[in-house]
Structure formats: C-alpha cells, structure tokens
Amino acid sequence: MDFMLEEEMIDLLTFCLQNHNSYEVESKKSRLKEVGKEIFDGGGVDAMENFFFAVENRIEGEIKKSPKPYRSLWNGITAEWNYT
C-alpha cells in the first residue's frame, strides 16, 4: 500500500509541477490532500515526513523541480505539520 501511495503522490506532484496552468491541477491537489490524510492515518506525522522526503528527492532527481510548495496542502491534517 505504501508503495502505491508513494507512486501516486509522485505522479500527482509531477503533473502539478509540469502543468501548473492545467484545469486538472485543482483535482490533483485535492487528491494530494487525501493521500496526506491516508499517510497520516497509517503512520502519523513521521510517515508524512518520510513520504514527502522520499518523493521530493525522486522528483527533484527526475524533473529538476521542487515539490516543496505543495507541502502546505497537508496543513490541517495535524498541528505538527505546518508549512507555508
């Protein structure tokens, strides 16, 4: 399950980074929020940190863009996760 969520998250973030003007971006962001909640429910804030770190490294290596601006989509899932 974790592997599937990680791959989905990579696909969603990559799409958003490469197609930031697409009408589909809002639905992708909505799904990213759901993925964050699923990750948190399965392993807490540590799992969120680990997932985002792994995904961030892979995306930066593959497309040379940073997904860090999308971390704030998970704000509100837990008080421990607070990014701008």
PDB file of N, CA and C in Angstrom:
ATOM      1  N   MET A   1       0.819  -1.191   0.000  1.00  0.00           N
ATOM      2  CA  MET A   1       0.000   0.000   0.000  1.00  0.00           C
ATOM      3  C   MET A   1       0.864   1.256   0.000  1.00  0.00           C
ATOM      4  N   ASP A   2       1.889   1.293   0.842  1.00  0.00           N
ATOM      5  CA  ASP A   2       2.746   2.471   0.903  1.00  0.00           C
ATOM      6  C   ASP A   2       3.390   2.767  -0.444  1.00  0.00           C
ATOM      7  N   PHE A   3       3.830   1.731  -1.120  1.00  0.00           N
ATOM      8  CA  PHE A   3       4.475   1.917  -2.419  1.00  0.00           C
ATOM      9  C   PHE A   3       3.496   2.527  -3.413  1.00  0.00           C
ATOM     10  N   MET A   4       2.265   2.060  -3.390  1.00  0.00           N
ATOM     11  CA  MET A   4       1.262   2.586  -4.320  1.00  0.00           C
ATOM     12  C   MET A   4       0.962   4.052  -4.025  1.00  0.00           C
ATOM     13  N   LEU A   5       0.857   4.415  -2.760  1.00  0.00           N
ATOM     14  CA  LEU A   5       0.625   5.818  -2.402  1.00  0.00           C
ATOM     15  C   LEU A   5       1.806   6.694  -2.806  1.00  0.00           C
ATOM     16  N   GLU A   6       3.005   6.186  -2.617  1.00  0.00           N
ATOM     17  CA  GLU A   6       4.190   6.951  -2.998  1.00  0.00           C
ATOM     18  C   GLU A   6       4.210   7.198  -4.501  1.00  0.00           C
ATOM     19  N   GLU A   7       3.942   6.169  -5.275  1.00  0.00           N
ATOM     20  CA  GLU A   7       3.919   6.316  -6.731  1.00  0.00           C
ATOM     21  C   GLU A   7       2.815   7.271  -7.167  1.00  0.00           C
ATOM     22  N   GLU A   8       1.655   7.171  -6.541  1.00  0.00           N
ATOM     23  CA  GLU A   8       0.559   8.078  -6.876  1.00  0.00           C
ATOM     24  C   GLU A   8       0.938   9.519  -6.538  1.00  0.00           C
ATOM     25  N   MET A   9       1.562   9.707  -5.395  1.00  0.00           N
ATOM     26  CA  MET A   9       1.972  11.039  -4.979  1.00  0.00           C
ATOM     27  C   MET A   9       3.001  11.615  -5.957  1.00  0.00           C
ATOM     28  N   ILE A  10       3.926  10.808  -6.399  1.00  0.00           N
ATOM     29  CA  ILE A  10       4.917  11.245  -7.384  1.00  0.00           C
ATOM     30  C   ILE A  10       4.219  11.673  -8.676  1.00  0.00           C
ATOM     31  N   ASP A  11       3.279  10.867  -9.131  1.00  0.00           N
ATOM     32  CA  ASP A  11       2.549  11.199 -10.355  1.00  0.00           C
ATOM     33  C   ASP A  11       1.768  12.505 -10.203  1.00  0.00           C
ATOM     34  N   LEU A  12       1.080  12.665  -9.080  1.00  0.00           N
ATOM     35  CA  LEU A  12       0.282  13.868  -8.850  1.00  0.00           C
ATOM     36  C   LEU A  12       1.144  15.122  -8.792  1.00  0.00           C
ATOM     37  N   LEU A  13       2.218  15.060  -8.006  1.00  0.00           N
ATOM     38  CA  LEU A  13       3.091  16.221  -7.876  1.00  0.00           C
ATOM     39  C   LEU A  13       3.809  16.540  -9.184  1.00  0.00           C
ATOM     40  N   THR A  14       4.251  15.528  -9.877  1.00  0.00           N
ATOM     41  CA  THR A  14       4.910  15.750 -11.161  1.00  0.00           C
ATOM     42  C   THR A  14       3.957  16.429 -12.137  1.00  0.00           C
ATOM     43  N   PHE A  15       2.725  15.962 -12.174  1.00  0.00           N
ATOM     44  CA  PHE A  15       1.734  16.598 -13.049  1.00  0.00           C
ATOM     45  C   PHE A  15       1.558  18.068 -12.684  1.00  0.00           C
ATOM     46  N   CYS A  16       1.369  18.338 -11.403  1.00  0.00           N
ATOM     47  CA  CYS A  16       1.163  19.722 -10.951  1.00  0.00           C
ATOM     48  C   CYS A  16       2.348  20.611 -11.290  1.00  0.00           C
ATOM     49  N   LEU A  17       3.542  20.103 -11.113  1.00  0.00           N
ATOM     50  CA  LEU A  17       4.739  20.889 -11.390  1.00  0.00           C
ATOM     51  C   LEU A  17       4.943  21.137 -12.884  1.00  0.00           C
ATOM     52  N   GLN A  18       4.551  20.187 -13.692  1.00  0.00           N
ATOM     53  CA  GLN A  18       4.776  20.322 -15.132  1.00  0.00           C
ATOM     54  C   GLN A  18       3.602  20.964 -15.863  1.00  0.00           C
ATOM     55  N   ASN A  19       2.450  21.006 -15.234  1.00  0.00           N
ATOM     56  CA  ASN A  19       1.234  21.509 -15.887  1.00  0.00           C
ATOM     57  C   ASN A  19       0.488  22.485 -14.986  1.00  0.00           C
ATOM     58  N   HIS A  20       1.208  23.383 -14.363  1.00  0.00           N
ATOM     59  CA  HIS A  20       0.636  24.238 -13.325  1.00  0.00           C
ATOM     60  C   HIS A  20      -0.533  25.096 -13.803  1.00  0.00           C
ATOM     61  N   ASN A  21      -0.712  25.273 -15.099  1.00  0.00           N
ATOM     62  CA  ASN A  21      -1.835  26.065 -15.615  1.00  0.00           C
ATOM     63  C   ASN A  21      -3.010  25.206 -16.069  1.00  0.00           C
ATOM     64  N   SER A  22      -2.914  23.902 -15.916  1.00  0.00           N
ATOM     65  CA  SER A  22      -3.962  22.998 -16.362  1.00  0.00           C
ATOM     66  C   SER A  22      -5.196  23.087 -15.462  1.00  0.00           C
ATOM     67  N   TYR A  23      -6.357  22.907 -16.055  1.00  0.00           N
ATOM     68  CA  TYR A  23      -7.595  22.875 -15.280  1.00  0.00           C
ATOM     69  C   TYR A  23      -7.643  21.666 -14.345  1.00  0.00           C
ATOM     70  N   GLU A  24      -6.818  20.675 -14.574  1.00  0.00           N
ATOM     71  CA  GLU A  24      -6.806  19.465 -13.761  1.00  0.00           C
ATOM     72  C   GLU A  24      -6.030  19.615 -12.446  1.00  0.00           C
ATOM     73  N   VAL A  25      -5.272  20.687 -12.304  1.00  0.00           N
ATOM     74  CA  VAL A  25      -4.408  20.851 -11.137  1.00  0.00           C
ATOM     75  C   VAL A  25      -5.209  20.845  -9.837  1.00  0.00           C
ATOM     76  N   GLU A  26      -6.359  21.481  -9.808  1.00  0.00           N
ATOM     77  CA  GLU A  26      -7.146  21.529  -8.567  1.00  0.00           C
ATOM     78  C   GLU A  26      -7.601  20.146  -8.125  1.00  0.00           C
ATOM     79  N   SER A  27      -7.993  19.298  -9.063  1.00  0.00           N
ATOM     80  CA  SER A  27      -8.394  17.935  -8.690  1.00  0.00           C
ATOM     81  C   SER A  27      -7.188  17.130  -8.226  1.00  0.00           C
ATOM     82  N   LYS A  28      -6.031  17.377  -8.810  1.00  0.00           N
ATOM     83  CA  LYS A  28      -4.802  16.697  -8.382  1.00  0.00           C
ATOM     84  C   LYS A  28      -4.428  17.138  -6.969  1.00  0.00           C
ATOM     85  N   LYS A  29      -4.564  18.432  -6.685  1.00  0.00           N
ATOM     86  CA  LYS A  29      -4.281  18.936  -5.342  1.00  0.00           C
ATOM     87  C   LYS A  29      -5.237  18.329  -4.322  1.00  0.00           C
ATOM     88  N   SER A  30      -6.488  18.197  -4.700  1.00  0.00           N
ATOM     89  CA  SER A  30      -7.472  17.586  -3.798  1.00  0.00           C
ATOM     90  C   SER A  30      -7.075  16.152  -3.470  1.00  0.00           C
ATOM     91  N   ARG A  31      -6.637  15.413  -4.459  1.00  0.00           N
ATOM     92  CA  ARG A  31      -6.206  14.033  -4.225  1.00  0.00           C
ATOM     93  C   ARG A  31      -4.933  13.998  -3.385  1.00  0.00           C
ATOM     94  N   LEU A  32      -4.039  14.965  -3.594  1.00  0.00           N
ATOM     95  CA  LEU A  32      -2.830  15.039  -2.764  1.00  0.00           C
ATOM     96  C   LEU A  32      -3.195  15.222  -1.293  1.00  0.00           C
ATOM     97  N   LYS A  33      -4.206  16.018  -1.014  1.00  0.00           N
ATOM     98  CA  LYS A  33      -4.663  16.201   0.369  1.00  0.00           C
ATOM     99  C   LYS A  33      -5.167  14.884   0.938  1.00  0.00           C
ATOM    100  N   GLU A  34      -5.920  14.138   0.130  1.00  0.00           N
ATOM    101  CA  GLU A  34      -6.429  12.837   0.577  1.00  0.00           C
ATOM    102  C   GLU A  34      -5.285  11.865   0.842  1.00  0.00           C
ATOM    103  N   VAL A  35      -4.290  11.874  -0.011  1.00  0.00           N
ATOM    104  CA  VAL A  35      -3.130  11.000   0.168  1.00  0.00           C
ATOM    105  C   VAL A  35      -2.423  11.342   1.477  1.00  0.00           C
ATOM    106  N   GLY A  36      -2.261  12.626   1.752  1.00  0.00           N
ATOM    107  CA  GLY A  36      -1.652  13.046   3.011  1.00  0.00           C
ATOM    108  C   GLY A  36      -2.405  12.519   4.210  1.00  0.00           C
ATOM    109  N   LYS A  37      -3.723  12.578   4.147  1.00  0.00           N
ATOM    110  CA  LYS A  37      -4.556  12.071   5.241  1.00  0.00           C
ATOM    111  C   LYS A  37      -4.388  10.557   5.388  1.00  0.00           C
ATOM    112  N   GLU A  38      -4.348   9.853   4.275  1.00  0.00           N
ATOM    113  CA  GLU A  38      -4.145   8.400   4.322  1.00  0.00           C
ATOM    114  C   GLU A  38      -2.792   8.050   4.935  1.00  0.00           C
ATOM    115  N   ILE A  39      -1.779   8.802   4.551  1.00  0.00           N
ATOM    116  CA  ILE A  39      -0.444   8.561   5.099  1.00  0.00           C
ATOM    117  C   ILE A  39      -0.439   8.830   6.594  1.00  0.00           C
ATOM    118  N   PHE A  40      -1.028   9.947   7.002  1.00  0.00           N
ATOM    119  CA  PHE A  40      -1.088  10.280   8.424  1.00  0.00           C
ATOM    120  C   PHE A  40      -1.849   9.216   9.205  1.00  0.00           C
ATOM    121  N   ASP A  41      -2.983   8.789   8.684  1.00  0.00           N
ATOM    122  CA  ASP A  41      -3.784   7.759   9.364  1.00  0.00           C
ATOM    123  C   ASP A  41      -3.017   6.456   9.518  1.00  0.00           C
ATOM    124  N   GLY A  42      -2.145   6.174   8.566  1.00  0.00           N
ATOM    125  CA  GLY A  42      -1.382   4.930   8.603  1.00  0.00           C
ATOM    126  C   GLY A  42      -0.105   4.984   9.421  1.00  0.00           C
ATOM    127  N   GLY A  43       0.438   6.181   9.643  1.00  0.00           N
ATOM    128  CA  GLY A  43       1.732   6.226  10.340  1.00  0.00           C
ATOM    129  C   GLY A  43       2.063   7.525  11.038  1.00  0.00           C
ATOM    130  N   GLY A  44       1.143   8.457  11.055  1.00  0.00           N
ATOM    131  CA  GLY A  44       1.375   9.702  11.769  1.00  0.00           C
ATOM    132  C   GLY A  44       2.254  10.684  11.015  1.00  0.00           C
ATOM    133  N   VAL A  45       2.678  11.697  11.735  1.00  0.00           N
ATOM    134  CA  VAL A  45       3.465  12.770  11.122  1.00  0.00           C
ATOM    135  C   VAL A  45       4.827  12.275  10.646  1.00  0.00           C
ATOM    136  N   ASP A  46       5.403  11.292  11.313  1.00  0.00           N
ATOM    137  CA  ASP A  46       6.688  10.738  10.858  1.00  0.00           C
ATOM    138  C   ASP A  46       6.553  10.122   9.470  1.00  0.00           C
ATOM    139  N   ALA A  47       5.459   9.428   9.238  1.00  0.00           N
ATOM    140  CA  ALA A  47       5.229   8.839   7.917  1.00  0.00           C
ATOM    141  C   ALA A  47       5.062   9.939   6.863  1.00  0.00           C
ATOM    142  N   MET A  48       4.382  11.019   7.232  1.00  0.00           N
ATOM    143  CA  MET A  48       4.213  12.138   6.305  1.00  0.00           C
ATOM    144  C   MET A  48       5.577  12.715   5.925  1.00  0.00           C
ATOM    145  N   GLU A  49       6.408  12.948   6.927  1.00  0.00           N
ATOM    146  CA  GLU A  49       7.750  13.493   6.681  1.00  0.00           C
ATOM    147  C   GLU A  49       8.560  12.553   5.781  1.00  0.00           C
ATOM    148  N   ASN A  50       8.527  11.269   6.101  1.00  0.00           N
ATOM    149  CA  ASN A  50       9.299  10.295   5.324  1.00  0.00           C
ATOM    150  C   ASN A  50       8.813  10.211   3.885  1.00  0.00           C
ATOM    151  N   PHE A  51       7.496  10.179   3.699  1.00  0.00           N
ATOM    152  CA  PHE A  51       6.942  10.118   2.357  1.00  0.00           C
ATOM    153  C   PHE A  51       7.345  11.344   1.558  1.00  0.00           C
ATOM    154  N   PHE A  52       7.138  12.507   2.142  1.00  0.00           N
ATOM    155  CA  PHE A  52       7.426  13.714   1.376  1.00  0.00           C
ATOM    156  C   PHE A  52       8.909  13.809   1.044  1.00  0.00           C
ATOM    157  N   PHE A  53       9.757  13.439   1.977  1.00  0.00           N
ATOM    158  CA  PHE A  53      11.202  13.474   1.739  1.00  0.00           C
ATOM    159  C   PHE A  53      11.573  12.567   0.574  1.00  0.00           C
ATOM    160  N   ALA A  54      11.074  11.345   0.573  1.00  0.00           N
ATOM    161  CA  ALA A  54      11.401  10.396  -0.495  1.00  0.00           C
ATOM    162  C   ALA A  54      10.871  10.876  -1.839  1.00  0.00           C
ATOM    163  N   VAL A  55       9.648  11.363  -1.841  1.00  0.00           N
ATOM    164  CA  VAL A  55       9.035  11.846  -3.079  1.00  0.00           C
ATOM    165  C   VAL A  55       9.769  13.087  -3.593  1.00  0.00           C
ATOM    166  N   GLU A  56      10.091  13.979  -2.680  1.00  0.00           N
ATOM    167  CA  GLU A  56      10.811  15.199  -3.047  1.00  0.00           C
ATOM    168  C   GLU A  56      12.138  14.868  -3.732  1.00  0.00           C
ATOM    169  N   ASN A  57      12.893  13.971  -3.150  1.00  0.00           N
ATOM    170  CA  ASN A  57      14.186  13.591  -3.731  1.00  0.00           C
ATOM    171  C   ASN A  57      14.028  12.980  -5.109  1.00  0.00           C
ATOM    172  N   ARG A  58      13.047  12.144  -5.256  1.00  0.00           N
ATOM    173  CA  ARG A  58      12.851  11.481  -6.550  1.00  0.00           C
ATOM    174  C   ARG A  58      12.420  12.483  -7.623  1.00  0.00           C
ATOM    175  N   ILE A  59      11.484  13.346  -7.278  1.00  0.00           N
ATOM    176  CA  ILE A  59      11.005  14.330  -8.255  1.00  0.00           C
ATOM    177  C   ILE A  59      12.124  15.291  -8.646  1.00  0.00           C
ATOM    178  N   GLU A  60      12.860  15.774  -7.663  1.00  0.00           N
ATOM    179  CA  GLU A  60      13.969  16.684  -7.979  1.00  0.00           C
ATOM    180  C   GLU A  60      14.995  16.001  -8.862  1.00  0.00           C
ATOM    181  N   GLY A  61      15.232  14.727  -8.641  1.00  0.00           N
ATOM    182  CA  GLY A  61      16.171  13.983  -9.467  1.00  0.00           C
ATOM    183  C   GLY A  61      15.664  13.740 -10.874  1.00  0.00           C
ATOM    184  N   GLU A  62      14.355  13.546 -11.019  1.00  0.00           N
ATOM    185  CA  GLU A  62      13.794  13.208 -12.324  1.00  0.00           C
ATOM    186  C   GLU A  62      13.460  14.417 -13.178  1.00  0.00           C
ATOM    187  N   ILE A  63      12.848  15.447 -12.582  1.00  0.00           N
ATOM    188  CA  ILE A  63      12.421  16.579 -13.413  1.00  0.00           C
ATOM    189  C   ILE A  63      13.063  17.908 -13.004  1.00  0.00           C
ATOM    190  N   LYS A  64      13.933  17.858 -12.018  1.00  0.00           N
ATOM    191  CA  LYS A  64      14.681  19.052 -11.593  1.00  0.00           C
ATOM    192  C   LYS A  64      13.776  20.190 -11.104  1.00  0.00           C
ATOM    193  N   LYS A  65      12.659  19.830 -10.489  1.00  0.00           N
ATOM    194  CA  LYS A  65      11.756  20.824  -9.894  1.00  0.00           C
ATOM    195  C   LYS A  65      11.451  20.388  -8.467  1.00  0.00           C
ATOM    196  N   SER A  66      11.237  21.369  -7.608  1.00  0.00           N
ATOM    197  CA  SER A  66      10.969  21.076  -6.203  1.00  0.00           C
ATOM    198  C   SER A  66       9.470  21.064  -5.908  1.00  0.00           C
ATOM    199  N   PRO A  67       8.993  19.996  -5.256  1.00  0.00           N
ATOM    200  CA  PRO A  67       7.592  19.946  -4.868  1.00  0.00           C
ATOM    201  C   PRO A  67       7.312  20.612  -3.518  1.00  0.00           C
ATOM    202  N   LYS A  68       8.315  21.250  -2.916  1.00  0.00           N
ATOM    203  CA  LYS A  68       8.148  21.839  -1.581  1.00  0.00           C
ATOM    204  C   LYS A  68       6.950  22.779  -1.460  1.00  0.00           C
ATOM    205  N   PRO A  69       6.620  23.569  -2.473  1.00  0.00           N
ATOM    206  CA  PRO A  69       5.455  24.450  -2.311  1.00  0.00           C
ATOM    207  C   PRO A  69       4.139  23.696  -2.055  1.00  0.00           C
ATOM    208  N   TYR A  70       4.110  22.429  -2.382  1.00  0.00           N
ATOM    209  CA  TYR A  70       2.892  21.637  -2.203  1.00  0.00           C
ATOM    210  C   TYR A  70       2.773  21.015  -0.813  1.00  0.00           C
ATOM    211  N   ARG A  71       3.822  21.150   0.011  1.00  0.00           N
ATOM    212  CA  ARG A  71       3.752  20.614   1.381  1.00  0.00           C
ATOM    213  C   ARG A  71       2.605  21.236   2.165  1.00  0.00           C
ATOM    214  N   SER A  72       2.309  22.494   1.889  1.00  0.00           N
ATOM    215  CA  SER A  72       1.256  23.179   2.647  1.00  0.00           C
ATOM    216  C   SER A  72      -0.130  22.590   2.396  1.00  0.00           C
ATOM    217  N   LEU A  73      -0.287  21.785   1.361  1.00  0.00           N
ATOM    218  CA  LEU A  73      -1.579  21.137   1.123  1.00  0.00           C
ATOM    219  C   LEU A  73      -1.967  20.215   2.279  1.00  0.00           C
ATOM    220  N   TRP A  74      -0.976  19.747   3.015  1.00  0.00           N
ATOM    221  CA  TRP A  74      -1.245  18.847   4.127  1.00  0.00           C
ATOM    222  C   TRP A  74      -1.443  19.581   5.448  1.00  0.00           C
ATOM    223  N   ASN A  75      -1.301  20.903   5.439  1.00  0.00           N
ATOM    224  CA  ASN A  75      -1.584  21.668   6.653  1.00  0.00           C
ATOM    225  C   ASN A  75      -3.029  21.396   7.084  1.00  0.00           C
ATOM    226  N   GLY A  76      -3.215  21.260   8.362  1.00  0.00           N
ATOM    227  CA  GLY A  76      -4.550  20.985   8.883  1.00  0.00           C
ATOM    228  C   GLY A  76      -4.815  19.517   9.160  1.00  0.00           C
ATOM    229  N   ILE A  77      -4.000  18.643   8.605  1.00  0.00           N
ATOM    230  CA  ILE A  77      -4.151  17.215   8.904  1.00  0.00           C
ATOM    231  C   ILE A  77      -3.763  16.964  10.354  1.00  0.00           C
ATOM    232  N   THR A  78      -2.679  17.616  10.770  1.00  0.00           N
ATOM    233  CA  THR A  78      -2.211  17.550  12.148  1.00  0.00           C
ATOM    234  C   THR A  78      -1.530  18.878  12.479  1.00  0.00           C
ATOM    235  N   ALA A  79      -1.583  19.276  13.721  1.00  0.00           N
ATOM    236  CA  ALA A  79      -0.956  20.534  14.136  1.00  0.00           C
ATOM    237  C   ALA A  79       0.559  20.484  13.981  1.00  0.00           C
ATOM    238  N   GLU A  80       1.116  19.286  13.933  1.00  0.00           N
ATOM    239  CA  GLU A  80       2.566  19.124  13.803  1.00  0.00           C
ATOM    240  C   GLU A  80       3.067  19.426  12.393  1.00  0.00           C
ATOM    241  N   TRP A  81       2.169  19.441  11.424  1.00  0.00           N
ATOM    242  CA  TRP A  81       2.549  19.692  10.044  1.00  0.00           C
ATOM    243  C   TRP A  81       2.074  21.097   9.689  1.00  0.00           C
ATOM    244  N   ASN A  82       3.010  22.014   9.567  1.00  0.00           N
ATOM    245  CA  ASN A  82       2.646  23.399   9.318  1.00  0.00           C
ATOM    246  C   ASN A  82       3.693  24.059   8.423  1.00  0.00           C
ATOM    247  N   TYR A  83       3.426  24.033   7.136  1.00  0.00           N
ATOM    248  CA  TYR A  83       4.334  24.607   6.149  1.00  0.00           C
ATOM    249  C   TYR A  83       3.642  25.721   5.394  1.00  0.00           C
ATOM    250  N   THR A  84       4.436  26.684   4.948  1.00  0.00           N
ATOM    251  CA  THR A  84       3.877  27.769   4.113  1.00  0.00           C
ATOM    252  C   THR A  84       4.469  27.732   2.736  1.00  0.00           C
TER     253      THR A  84
END
